[in-house]
C-alpha atoms as a PDB file:
ATOM      1  CA  MET A   1      -0.024   0.082   0.053  1.00  0.00           C
ATOM      2  CA  ARG A   2       1.474   3.169  -1.151  1.00  0.00           C
ATOM      3  CA  ILE A   3       1.550   6.041   1.444  1.00  0.00           C
ATOM      4  CA  VAL A   4       2.261   9.673   1.291  1.00  0.00           C
ATOM      5  CA  PHE A   5       3.107  11.325   4.678  1.00  0.00           C
ATOM      6  CA  PHE A   6       2.286  14.867   5.592  1.00  0.00           C
ATOM      7  CA  GLY A   7       3.973  16.374   8.650  1.00  0.00           C
ATOM      8  CA  THR A   8       6.330  18.831  10.115  1.00  0.00           C
ATOM      9  CA  PRO A   9       7.494  18.879  13.805  1.00  0.00           C
ATOM     10  CA  GLU A  10       9.272  16.398  15.887  1.00  0.00           C
ATOM     11  CA  PRO A  11       6.451  14.215  16.717  1.00  0.00           C
ATOM     12  CA  ALA A  12       5.559  13.846  12.956  1.00  0.00           C
ATOM     13  CA  ALA A  13       9.170  12.815  12.462  1.00  0.00           C
ATOM     14  CA  GLN A  14       8.783  10.108  15.116  1.00  0.00           C
ATOM     15  CA  VAL A  15       5.768   8.632  13.205  1.00  0.00           C
ATOM     16  CA  LEU A  16       7.519   8.888   9.929  1.00  0.00           C
ATOM     17  CA  THR A  17      10.470   7.029  11.283  1.00  0.00           C
ATOM     18  CA  THR A  18       8.126   4.350  12.746  1.00  0.00           C
ATOM     19  CA  LEU A  19       6.653   3.817   9.241  1.00  0.00           C
ATOM     20  CA  ILE A  20      10.135   3.538   7.678  1.00  0.00           C
ATOM     21  CA  ASP A  21      11.251   1.070  10.329  1.00  0.00           C
ATOM     22  CA  ALA A  22       7.987  -0.818   9.672  1.00  0.00           C
ATOM     23  CA  LYS A  23       8.871  -1.244   5.940  1.00  0.00           C
ATOM     24  CA  GLN A  24       5.866   0.688   4.904  1.00  0.00           C
ATOM     25  CA  GLU A  25       6.104   1.856   1.261  1.00  0.00           C
ATOM     26  CA  ILE A  26       6.457   5.711   1.418  1.00  0.00           C
ATOM     27  CA  ALA A  27       5.800   6.997  -2.002  1.00  0.00           C
ATOM     28  CA  GLY A  28       6.575  10.607  -0.882  1.00  0.00           C
ATOM     29  CA  VAL A  29       6.788  13.036   2.064  1.00  0.00           C
ATOM     30  CA  VAL A  30       5.128  16.542   2.274  1.00  0.00           C
ATOM     31  CA  THR A  31       6.298  18.963   4.847  1.00  0.00           C
ATOM     32  CA  GLN A  32       6.192  22.748   5.416  1.00  0.00           C
ATOM     33  CA  PRO A  33       8.702  24.934   3.512  1.00  0.00           C
ATOM     34  CA  ASP A  34      12.132  25.855   5.209  1.00  0.00           C
ATOM     35  CA  ARG A  35      11.983  28.760   7.682  1.00  0.00           C
ATOM     36  CA  PRO A  36      14.308  31.165   9.182  1.00  0.00           C
ATOM     37  CA  ALA A  37      14.520  30.655  12.962  1.00  0.00           C
ATOM     38  CA  GLY A  38      16.490  32.019  15.882  1.00  0.00           C
ATOM     39  CA  ARG A  39      18.381  35.347  16.445  1.00  0.00           C
ATOM     40  CA  GLY A  40      20.437  34.674  13.411  1.00  0.00           C
ATOM     41  CA  GLN A  41      17.468  33.950  11.199  1.00  0.00           C
ATOM     42  CA  ARG A  42      19.225  30.718   9.968  1.00  0.00           C
ATOM     43  CA  ILE A  43      17.134  28.683   7.519  1.00  0.00           C
ATOM     44  CA  VAL A  44      16.095  25.522   9.441  1.00  0.00           C
ATOM     45  CA  PHE A  45      14.565  22.275   8.056  1.00  0.00           C
ATOM     46  CA  SER A  46      11.602  20.612   9.654  1.00  0.00           C
ATOM     47  CA  ALA A  47      12.123  17.540  11.701  1.00  0.00           C
ATOM     48  CA  VAL A  48      10.189  15.664   8.999  1.00  0.00           C
ATOM     49  CA  LYS A  49      12.394  16.769   6.246  1.00  0.00           C
ATOM     50  CA  GLU A  50      15.519  15.772   8.140  1.00  0.00           C
ATOM     51  CA  VAL A  51      14.119  12.113   8.455  1.00  0.00           C
ATOM     52  CA  ALA A  52      13.002  12.199   4.696  1.00  0.00           C
ATOM     53  CA  LEU A  53      16.224  13.223   3.413  1.00  0.00           C
ATOM     54  CA  LYS A  54      18.141  10.721   5.517  1.00  0.00           C
ATOM     55  CA  ALA A  55      15.950   8.081   3.979  1.00  0.00           C
ATOM     56  CA  ALA A  56      16.177   9.445   0.489  1.00  0.00           C
ATOM     57  CA  LEU A  57      12.388   9.768   0.144  1.00  0.00           C
ATOM     58  CA  PRO A  58      10.629  11.946  -2.509  1.00  0.00           C
ATOM     59  CA  LEU A  59       9.990  15.340  -0.762  1.00  0.00           C
ATOM     60  CA  GLU A  60       7.673  18.165  -1.408  1.00  0.00           C
ATOM     61  CA  GLN A  61       7.422  21.488   0.426  1.00  0.00           C
ATOM     62  CA  PRO A  62       4.478  23.574  -1.214  1.00  0.00           C
ATOM     63  CA  GLU A  63       3.883  26.993   0.082  1.00  0.00           C
ATOM     64  CA  SER A  64       0.243  26.101  -0.040  1.00  0.00           C
ATOM     65  CA  VAL A  65      -1.892  23.065  -1.014  1.00  0.00           C
ATOM     66  CA  LYS A  66      -5.009  25.093  -1.878  1.00  0.00           C
ATOM     67  CA  ASN A  67      -5.419  25.848  -5.550  1.00  0.00           C
ATOM     68  CA  ASN A  68      -2.055  24.533  -6.240  1.00  0.00           C
ATOM     69  CA  ASN A  69      -2.365  22.712  -9.575  1.00  0.00           C
ATOM     70  CA  ALA A  70       1.179  21.745  -9.545  1.00  0.00           C
ATOM     71  CA  PHE A  71       1.117  20.046  -6.218  1.00  0.00           C
ATOM     72  CA  LYS A  72      -2.195  18.324  -7.032  1.00  0.00           C
ATOM     73  CA  ALA A  73      -0.715  16.770 -10.211  1.00  0.00           C
ATOM     74  CA  TRP A  74       2.300  15.521  -8.176  1.00  0.00           C
ATOM     75  CA  LEU A  75       0.075  13.831  -5.623  1.00  0.00           C
ATOM     76  CA  GLU A  76      -2.011  12.270  -8.379  1.00  0.00           C
ATOM     77  CA  SER A  77       1.209  11.132 -10.123  1.00  0.00           C
ATOM     78  CA  VAL A  78       2.716   9.200  -7.112  1.00  0.00           C
ATOM     79  CA  LYS A  79      -0.525   7.160  -7.123  1.00  0.00           C
ATOM     80  CA  ALA A  80      -0.866   6.876  -3.301  1.00  0.00           C
ATOM     81  CA  ASP A  81      -3.297   4.530  -1.803  1.00  0.00           C
ATOM     82  CA  LEU A  82      -3.584   6.531   1.416  1.00  0.00           C
ATOM     83  CA  CYS A  83      -2.124   9.557   2.978  1.00  0.00           C
ATOM     84  CA  VAL A  84      -1.065   9.907   6.679  1.00  0.00           C
ATOM     85  CA  VAL A  85      -1.109  13.166   8.301  1.00  0.00           C
ATOM     86  CA  VAL A  86       0.484  14.206  11.692  1.00  0.00           C
ATOM     87  CA  ALA A  87       0.800  17.943  12.532  1.00  0.00           C
ATOM     88  CA  TYR A  88       1.278  19.029   9.008  1.00  0.00           C
ATOM     89  CA  GLY A  89       0.281  22.646   9.738  1.00  0.00           C
ATOM     90  CA  LYS A  90      -1.900  23.481   6.676  1.00  0.00           C
ATOM     91  CA  ILE A  91      -5.603  22.896   5.805  1.00  0.00           C
ATOM     92  CA  LEU A  92      -6.107  20.349   3.130  1.00  0.00           C
ATOM     93  CA  PRO A  93      -8.914  21.090   0.674  1.00  0.00           C
ATOM     94  CA  LYS A  94     -11.704  18.654  -0.578  1.00  0.00           C
ATOM     95  CA  ASP A  95     -10.089  18.057  -3.993  1.00  0.00           C
ATOM     96  CA  ILE A  96      -6.818  16.930  -2.409  1.00  0.00           C
ATOM     97  CA  LEU A  97      -8.492  14.743   0.311  1.00  0.00           C
ATOM     98  CA  GLU A  98     -10.326  12.870  -2.630  1.00  0.00           C
ATOM     99  CA  ILE A  99      -7.183  11.857  -4.553  1.00  0.00           C
ATOM    100  CA  PRO A 100      -5.922   8.774  -2.694  1.00  0.00           C
ATOM    101  CA  LYS A 101      -8.015   5.532  -2.863  1.00  0.00           C
ATOM    102  CA  HIS A 102      -8.348   5.233   0.888  1.00  0.00           C
ATOM    103  CA  GLY A 103      -8.390   9.044   1.560  1.00  0.00           C
ATOM    104  CA  PHE A 104      -6.341  10.733   4.457  1.00  0.00           C
ATOM    105  CA  ILE A 105      -5.844   9.732   7.999  1.00  0.00           C
ATOM    106  CA  ASN A 106      -4.606  11.806  10.729  1.00  0.00           C
ATOM    107  CA  ILE A 107      -3.252  11.262  14.179  1.00  0.00           C
ATOM    108  CA  HIS A 108      -4.782  13.784  16.744  1.00  0.00           C
ATOM    109  CA  ALA A 109      -3.172  14.247  20.046  1.00  0.00           C
ATOM    110  CA  SER A 110      -6.522  13.900  22.063  1.00  0.00           C
ATOM    111  CA  LEU A 111      -9.386  11.480  22.667  1.00  0.00           C
ATOM    112  CA  LEU A 112     -11.718  13.006  19.986  1.00  0.00           C
ATOM    113  CA  PRO A 113     -14.063  14.390  20.084  1.00  0.00           C
ATOM    114  CA  LYS A 114     -12.649  16.247  23.006  1.00  0.00           C
ATOM    115  CA  TYR A 115     -10.174  18.953  22.138  1.00  0.00           C
ATOM    116  CA  ARG A 116     -10.553  19.361  18.394  1.00  0.00           C
ATOM    117  CA  GLY A 117      -8.091  22.060  17.168  1.00  0.00           C
ATOM    118  CA  ALA A 118      -4.389  23.010  17.183  1.00  0.00           C
ATOM    119  CA  ALA A 119      -3.452  22.630  20.785  1.00  0.00           C
ATOM    120  CA  PRO A 120      -5.094  19.570  22.318  1.00  0.00           C
ATOM    121  CA  ILE A 121      -2.171  18.807  24.470  1.00  0.00           C
ATOM    122  CA  GLN A 122      -1.867  22.076  25.938  1.00  0.00           C
ATOM    123  CA  TRP A 123      -5.697  22.182  26.626  1.00  0.00           C
ATOM    124  CA  ALA A 124      -5.666  18.925  28.329  1.00  0.00           C
ATOM    125  CA  LEU A 125      -3.147  19.999  30.810  1.00  0.00           C
ATOM    126  CA  LEU A 126      -4.537  23.517  31.112  1.00  0.00           C
ATOM    127  CA  LYS A 127      -7.792  21.896  32.138  1.00  0.00           C
ATOM    128  CA  GLY A 128      -6.261  19.489  34.585  1.00  0.00           C
ATOM    129  CA  GLU A 129      -7.293  16.469  32.709  1.00  0.00           C
ATOM    130  CA  LYS A 130      -6.119  13.098  34.273  1.00  0.00           C
ATOM    131  CA  GLU A 131      -6.164  11.422  30.887  1.00  0.00           C
ATOM    132  CA  SER A 132      -5.575  12.117  27.295  1.00  0.00           C
ATOM    133  CA  GLY A 133      -4.530  10.047  24.289  1.00  0.00           C
ATOM    134  CA  ALA A 134      -4.247   9.509  20.543  1.00  0.00           C
ATOM    135  CA  THR A 135      -7.083   9.351  17.862  1.00  0.00           C
ATOM    136  CA  ILE A 136      -6.481   7.957  14.388  1.00  0.00           C
ATOM    137  CA  PHE A 137      -9.355   9.228  12.133  1.00  0.00           C
ATOM    138  CA  LYS A 138     -10.312   9.927   8.502  1.00  0.00           C
ATOM    139  CA  LEU A 139     -10.003  13.500   7.527  1.00  0.00           C
ATOM    140  CA  VAL A 140     -13.035  15.367   6.168  1.00  0.00           C
ATOM    141  CA  GLU A 141     -13.360  19.098   5.339  1.00  0.00           C
ATOM    142  CA  GLN A 142     -14.527  19.992   8.831  1.00  0.00           C
ATOM    143  CA  LEU A 143     -11.791  20.355  11.417  1.00  0.00           C
ATOM    144  CA  ASP A 144     -10.845  17.188  13.224  1.00  0.00           C
ATOM    145  CA  ALA A 145     -14.512  15.862  12.820  1.00  0.00           C
ATOM    146  CA  GLY A 146     -13.860  12.765  10.695  1.00  0.00           C
ATOM    147  CA  PRO A 147     -14.936   9.128  11.587  1.00  0.00           C
ATOM    148  CA  ILE A 148     -12.613   7.509  14.003  1.00  0.00           C
ATOM    149  CA  ALA A 149     -10.685   4.199  13.265  1.00  0.00           C
ATOM    150  CA  ALA A 150      -8.796   3.866  16.710  1.00  0.00           C
ATOM    151  CA  ARG A 151      -7.897   5.576  19.983  1.00  0.00           C
ATOM    152  CA  LYS A 152      -5.488   4.946  22.671  1.00  0.00           C
ATOM    153  CA  GLU A 153      -5.657   6.341  26.115  1.00  0.00           C
ATOM    154  CA  VAL A 154      -2.808   7.740  27.929  1.00  0.00           C
ATOM    155  CA  GLU A 155      -2.396   8.796  31.720  1.00  0.00           C
ATOM    156  CA  ILE A 156      -1.604  12.432  32.540  1.00  0.00           C
ATOM    157  CA  THR A 157       0.558  12.666  35.709  1.00  0.00           C
ATOM    158  CA  GLU A 158       1.073  15.781  37.787  1.00  0.00           C
ATOM    159  CA  ASP A 159       4.685  15.997  36.669  1.00  0.00           C
ATOM    160  CA  ASP A 160       3.707  15.847  32.963  1.00  0.00           C
ATOM    161  CA  ASN A 161       4.060  19.053  30.938  1.00  0.00           C
ATOM    162  CA  TYR A 162       3.617  19.614  27.123  1.00  0.00           C
ATOM    163  CA  GLU A 163       6.891  18.000  26.152  1.00  0.00           C
ATOM    164  CA  THR A 164       6.546  14.925  28.194  1.00  0.00           C
ATOM    165  CA  LEU A 165       2.779  14.308  27.484  1.00  0.00           C
ATOM    166  CA  SER A 166       3.597  14.782  23.674  1.00  0.00           C
ATOM    167  CA  ARG A 167       6.264  12.214  23.736  1.00  0.00           C
ATOM    168  CA  LYS A 168       3.799   9.806  25.661  1.00  0.00           C
ATOM    169  CA  ILE A 169       0.887  10.300  23.190  1.00  0.00           C
ATOM    170  CA  PHE A 170       2.919   9.857  19.995  1.00  0.00           C
ATOM    171  CA  ALA A 171       4.772   6.810  21.503  1.00  0.00           C
ATOM    172  CA  ALA A 172       1.252   5.247  21.985  1.00  0.00           C
ATOM    173  CA  ALA A 173       0.185   6.439  18.468  1.00  0.00           C
ATOM    174  CA  CYS A 174       2.855   4.878  16.607  1.00  0.00           C
ATOM    175  CA  PRO A 175       2.083   1.222  17.202  1.00  0.00           C
ATOM    176  CA  LEU A 176      -1.713   1.978  16.884  1.00  0.00           C
ATOM    177  CA  LEU A 177      -1.143   3.523  13.408  1.00  0.00           C
ATOM    178  CA  ILE A 178       0.700   0.291  12.196  1.00  0.00           C
ATOM    179  CA  LYS A 179      -2.472  -1.684  13.308  1.00  0.00           C
ATOM    180  CA  VAL A 180      -4.812   0.716  11.539  1.00  0.00           C
ATOM    181  CA  LEU A 181      -2.684   0.464   8.343  1.00  0.00           C
ATOM    182  CA  HIS A 182      -2.857  -3.242   8.428  1.00  0.00           C
ATOM    183  CA  GLU A 183      -6.894  -2.838   8.789  1.00  0.00           C
ATOM    184  CA  ILE A 184      -7.045  -0.498   5.967  1.00  0.00           C
ATOM    185  CA  LYS A 185      -4.937  -2.737   3.752  1.00  0.00           C
ATOM    186  CA  THR A 186      -6.967  -5.823   4.551  1.00  0.00           C
ATOM    187  CA  GLY A 187     -10.335  -4.074   4.389  1.00  0.00           C
ATOM    188  CA  LYS A 188     -11.131  -4.502   7.964  1.00  0.00           C
ATOM    189  CA  VAL A 189     -11.012  -1.022   9.287  1.00  0.00           C
ATOM    190  CA  GLU A 190     -14.116   0.229  10.870  1.00  0.00           C
ATOM    191  CA  TYR A 191     -14.730   3.950  11.131  1.00  0.00           C
ATOM    192  CA  VAL A 192     -16.950   5.053  13.820  1.00  0.00           C
ATOM    193  CA  PRO A 193     -18.617   8.619  13.637  1.00  0.00           C
ATOM    194  CA  GLN A 194     -17.782  11.077  16.194  1.00  0.00           C
ATOM    195  CA  ASN A 195     -20.169  11.928  18.987  1.00  0.00           C
ATOM    196  CA  GLU A 196     -20.852  15.803  18.137  1.00  0.00           C
ATOM    197  CA  ALA A 197     -22.412  16.163  21.752  1.00  0.00           C
ATOM    198  CA  GLY A 198     -19.034  15.587  23.325  1.00  0.00           C
ATOM    199  CA  VAL A 199     -17.050  18.060  21.093  1.00  0.00           C
ATOM    200  CA  THR A 200     -14.835  20.549  22.893  1.00  0.00           C
ATOM    201  CA  LEU A 201     -12.261  22.851  21.217  1.00  0.00           C
ATOM    202  CA  ALA A 202      -8.641  23.399  21.454  1.00  0.00           C
ATOM    203  CA  PRO A 203      -7.548  26.676  19.699  1.00  0.00           C
ATOM    204  CA  SER A 204      -4.006  27.719  19.607  1.00  0.00           C
ATOM    205  CA  PHE A 205      -2.820  30.319  22.127  1.00  0.00           C
ATOM    206  CA  ALA A 206      -1.650  33.996  21.852  1.00  0.00           C
ATOM    207  CA  LYS A 207       1.587  35.219  23.384  1.00  0.00           C
ATOM    208  CA  GLU A 208      -0.525  36.982  26.257  1.00  0.00           C
ATOM    209  CA  SER A 209      -1.913  33.863  27.237  1.00  0.00           C
ATOM    210  CA  GLY A 210       1.111  33.015  29.182  1.00  0.00           C
ATOM    211  CA  GLU A 211       0.771  35.763  31.721  1.00  0.00           C
ATOM    212  CA  ILE A 212       0.089  34.455  35.192  1.00  0.00           C
ATOM    213  CA  ASP A 213      -2.887  35.786  37.252  1.00  0.00           C
ATOM    214  CA  TRP A 214      -1.724  34.935  40.816  1.00  0.00           C
ATOM    215  CA  ARG A 215      -5.187  35.463  42.140  1.00  0.00           C
ATOM    216  CA  LYS A 216      -5.911  31.869  40.475  1.00  0.00           C
ATOM    217  CA  THR A 217      -5.216  28.690  42.456  1.00  0.00           C
ATOM    218  CA  ALA A 218      -1.892  27.148  42.753  1.00  0.00           C
ATOM    219  CA  VAL A 219      -2.964  24.160  41.065  1.00  0.00           C
ATOM    220  CA  GLU A 220      -4.492  26.297  38.116  1.00  0.00           C
ATOM    221  CA  ILE A 221      -1.289  28.402  37.734  1.00  0.00           C
ATOM    222  CA  HIS A 222       0.794  24.981  37.874  1.00  0.00           C
ATOM    223  CA  ASP A 223      -1.438  23.640  35.025  1.00  0.00           C
ATOM    224  CA  ARG A 224      -0.772  26.787  32.883  1.00  0.00           C
ATOM    225  CA  ILE A 225       2.971  26.598  33.478  1.00  0.00           C
ATOM    226  CA  ARG A 226       3.086  22.850  32.283  1.00  0.00           C
ATOM    227  CA  ALA A 227       0.656  23.461  29.481  1.00  0.00           C
ATOM    228  CA  LEU A 228       2.535  26.381  27.995  1.00  0.00           C
ATOM    229  CA  ILE A 229       6.090  25.424  28.576  1.00  0.00           C
ATOM    230  CA  VAL A 230       6.958  25.622  24.927  1.00  0.00           C
ATOM    231  CA  TRP A 231       4.734  28.346  23.744  1.00  0.00           C
ATOM    232  CA  PRO A 232       4.046  30.962  24.876  1.00  0.00           C
ATOM    233  CA  THR A 233       5.456  30.067  28.073  1.00  0.00           C
ATOM    234  CA  ALA A 234       3.894  31.058  31.471  1.00  0.00           C
ATOM    235  CA  HIS A 235       5.464  34.269  32.827  1.00  0.00           C
ATOM    236  CA  THR A 236       5.216  37.146  35.299  1.00  0.00           C
ATOM    237  CA  PHE A 237       7.270  40.173  35.814  1.00  0.00           C
ATOM    238  CA  PHE A 238      10.191  40.656  38.334  1.00  0.00           C
ATOM    239  CA  ARG A 239      11.537  44.002  39.003  1.00  0.00           C
ATOM    240  CA  GLY A 240      10.246  45.213  35.807  1.00  0.00           C
ATOM    241  CA  LYS A 241      11.507  42.420  33.522  1.00  0.00           C
ATOM    242  CA  ARG A 242       9.606  39.448  32.076  1.00  0.00           C
ATOM    243  CA  LEU A 243      10.290  36.190  34.116  1.00  0.00           C
ATOM    244  CA  LYS A 244       9.316  32.900  32.365  1.00  0.00           C
ATOM    245  CA  ILE A 245       8.613  30.029  34.587  1.00  0.00           C
ATOM    246  CA  PHE A 246       9.177  26.447  33.351  1.00  0.00           C
ATOM    247  CA  ARG A 247       8.717  24.424  36.309  1.00  0.00           C
ATOM    248  CA  ALA A 248       6.865  24.768  39.702  1.00  0.00           C
ATOM    249  CA  ARG A 249       5.054  22.626  42.441  1.00  0.00           C
ATOM    250  CA  PRO A 250       1.818  23.390  44.308  1.00  0.00           C
ATOM    251  CA  VAL A 251       2.375  23.495  47.885  1.00  0.00           C
ATOM    252  CA  PRO A 252      -0.457  22.874  50.531  1.00  0.00           C
ATOM    253  CA  LEU A 253      -1.549  26.065  52.388  1.00  0.00           C
ATOM    254  CA  ASP A 254       0.249  26.732  55.603  1.00  0.00           C
ATOM    255  CA  ILE A 255      -1.584  28.444  58.515  1.00  0.00           C
ATOM    256  CA  SER A 256       1.190  31.132  58.496  1.00  0.00           C
ATOM    257  CA  THR A 257       0.640  31.995  54.905  1.00  0.00           C
ATOM    258  CA  ARG A 258      -3.117  32.412  54.839  1.00  0.00           C
ATOM    259  CA  GLU A 259      -3.035  36.369  54.961  1.00  0.00           C
ATOM    260  CA  LYS A 260      -0.459  36.634  52.261  1.00  0.00           C
ATOM    261  CA  GLN A 261      -1.419  38.615  49.032  1.00  0.00           C
ATOM    262  CA  PRO A 262      -1.492  36.690  45.661  1.00  0.00           C
ATOM    263  CA  GLY A 263       1.943  37.141  43.932  1.00  0.00           C
ATOM    264  CA  GLU A 264       3.869  37.750  47.163  1.00  0.00           C
ATOM    265  CA  ILE A 265       7.115  35.869  47.709  1.00  0.00           C
ATOM    266  CA  ILE A 266       6.607  34.084  51.116  1.00  0.00           C
ATOM    267  CA  GLU A 267       9.819  32.289  51.551  1.00  0.00           C
ATOM    268  CA  ILE A 268      13.064  31.424  49.870  1.00  0.00           C
ATOM    269  CA  ILE A 269      13.509  27.675  50.335  1.00  0.00           C
ATOM    270  CA  LYS A 270      17.199  26.628  50.280  1.00  0.00           C
ATOM    271  CA  HIS A 271      18.216  24.479  47.386  1.00  0.00           C
ATOM    272  CA  GLU A 272      14.765  24.708  45.914  1.00  0.00           C
ATOM    273  CA  GLY A 273      13.350  27.958  44.911  1.00  0.00           C
ATOM    274  CA  LEU A 274      10.810  30.610  46.134  1.00  0.00           C
ATOM    275  CA  LEU A 275       7.448  30.063  47.550  1.00  0.00           C
ATOM    276  CA  VAL A 276       4.764  32.427  46.178  1.00  0.00           C
ATOM    277  CA  ALA A 277       1.272  32.968  47.493  1.00  0.00           C
ATOM    278  CA  THR A 278      -1.642  32.465  45.061  1.00  0.00           C
ATOM    279  CA  GLY A 279      -5.439  32.875  45.245  1.00  0.00           C
ATOM    280  CA  ARG A 280      -5.550  29.553  46.858  1.00  0.00           C
ATOM    281  CA  GLY A 281      -2.534  27.619  48.166  1.00  0.00           C
ATOM    282  CA  ASN A 282       1.063  28.308  47.546  1.00  0.00           C
ATOM    283  CA  LEU A 283       3.298  27.613  44.596  1.00  0.00           C
ATOM    284  CA  LEU A 284       6.982  26.620  44.738  1.00  0.00           C
ATOM    285  CA  LEU A 285       8.902  28.004  41.675  1.00  0.00           C
ATOM    286  CA  LEU A 286      11.697  25.704  40.552  1.00  0.00           C
ATOM    287  CA  GLU A 287      13.038  26.705  37.142  1.00  0.00           C
ATOM    288  CA  LEU A 288      13.022  30.285  35.730  1.00  0.00           C
ATOM    289  CA  GLN A 289      14.448  32.516  32.937  1.00  0.00           C
ATOM    290  CA  LEU A 290      14.717  36.374  33.343  1.00  0.00           C
ATOM    291  CA  GLU A 291      14.489  38.408  30.295  1.00  0.00           C
ATOM    292  CA  GLY A 292      18.000  38.446  28.670  1.00  0.00           C
ATOM    293  CA  LYS A 293      19.287  35.690  30.819  1.00  0.00           C
ATOM    294  CA  LYS A 294      19.650  31.886  30.665  1.00  0.00           C
ATOM    295  CA  ARG A 295      17.155  29.459  31.920  1.00  0.00           C
ATOM    296  CA  MET A 296      18.275  28.269  35.418  1.00  0.00           C
ATOM    297  CA  LYS A 297      17.160  26.420  38.603  1.00  0.00           C
ATOM    298  CA  ALA A 298      15.117  28.787  40.806  1.00  0.00           C
ATOM    299  CA  ALA A 299      17.604  28.151  43.796  1.00  0.00           C
ATOM    300  CA  ASP A 300      20.394  29.682  41.682  1.00  0.00           C
ATOM    301  CA  PHE A 301      18.197  32.528  40.543  1.00  0.00           C
ATOM    302  CA  VAL A 302      17.400  33.488  44.112  1.00  0.00           C
ATOM    303  CA  ILE A 303      21.135  33.745  44.946  1.00  0.00           C
ATOM    304  CA  GLY A 304      22.061  35.507  41.905  1.00  0.00           C
ATOM    305  CA  HIS A 305      19.340  38.316  42.299  1.00  0.00           C
ATOM    306  CA  ASP A 306      19.252  38.442  46.056  1.00  0.00           C
ATOM    307  CA  VAL A 307      15.512  37.752  46.070  1.00  0.00           C
ATOM    308  CA  LYS A 308      13.864  38.649  49.400  1.00  0.00           C
ATOM    309  CA  PRO A 309      10.548  37.512  51.023  1.00  0.00           C
ATOM    310  CA  GLY A 310       7.984  40.308  50.732  1.00  0.00           C
ATOM    311  CA  GLU A 311       8.653  41.188  47.103  1.00  0.00           C
ATOM    312  CA  THR A 312       5.777  40.741  44.779  1.00  0.00           C
ATOM    313  CA  LEU A 313       5.035  39.307  41.378  1.00  0.00           C
ATOM    314  CA  PRO A 314       4.383  41.017  39.042  1.00  0.00           C
ATOM    315  CA  ASP A 315       6.671  43.786  39.971  1.00  0.00           C
END
C-alpha cells in the first residue's frame, strides 16, 4: 500500500520513522517549507524533512496546497493509496482529500471528540485532565470531525508537561497507526462517527495567554505553566522584567501564609526555589528565566538576584 506522509514537527518525524522502520511503502513526504529561525534567522529544515532526506524519500514542500495545480498533479502522479497526516500545519482542501484511494487519515493528540483544534495537548493540561491519548481518524473538510478508526488512552500525571505528554501520546500512537494501516490494507478497518455532543475545542494560544494571574489557585497556575512550557511560556514580571516560569510545584496552604497577598514571595526555600502565594494555596517556583538571561534553577536565581521575602510578582 503506497503511502504519502504529511507532517512537520518532531512528533511527526517520530511517526515517519516508525513507518520507515516498519517497511511501509512511502511514496512521498510533504512538509512545510524551510523557515528562518532564531536570532540569526538561519534557515532551518523541519524535523520531518531531516528524516525524509536521511531515508532518501521523495520530498515536496509547497507554500500552499490550496489551488495548487502543480502539487495536485504531483500527488496524483505518485498514485498513493493512502495519505497519513501528523501535525502538517496546513488545511487540506476537498479536492486533495479525494485523491488517494483510501483518503487521508490523521493522528490527533487527544481523545476525540474532545479538544478538536491546534493545541489539544496544551488544553488537556490547562484543564487539569487526568487522561488524554491519541486518535486516528479519517480527514474530512470540517476540522478534526472525521470518523474514528482507533483511539489509545494515555495517563496524565501531575509531573507531565507539554513535552513529556507529547512524547507519551505519540509513543502510543505509533503502534496504533501500524495496526490501523494493516486494517485498511486488509479491508477490516471500521470507522465510527464522532459524538458531536461531546465536542470541545482546543484553539492555539496567543502570546499574552502566558501571563500568570496570581489570584488563580496554585493548581490552576501550575497547570498553565506545564501546558504552555514551549509556547507562549507562562510568565510574570520581576523588577520590571519578564520572568518565564518553566517548572513549579503546588504546596499545601500553611496557616502562617493564609493572609499573604497573591503574588507575594513568602519564603526562600534553600536548594529549591521561592514560594509564592496564590489565590488558594502556594506555588514553589523551581525553574526560571529572566528576560535577557539563561534558563536556570530557581535556587540559583534566588542567590544571583538576592531575592527577598515580601517582594511581589508581578513587579
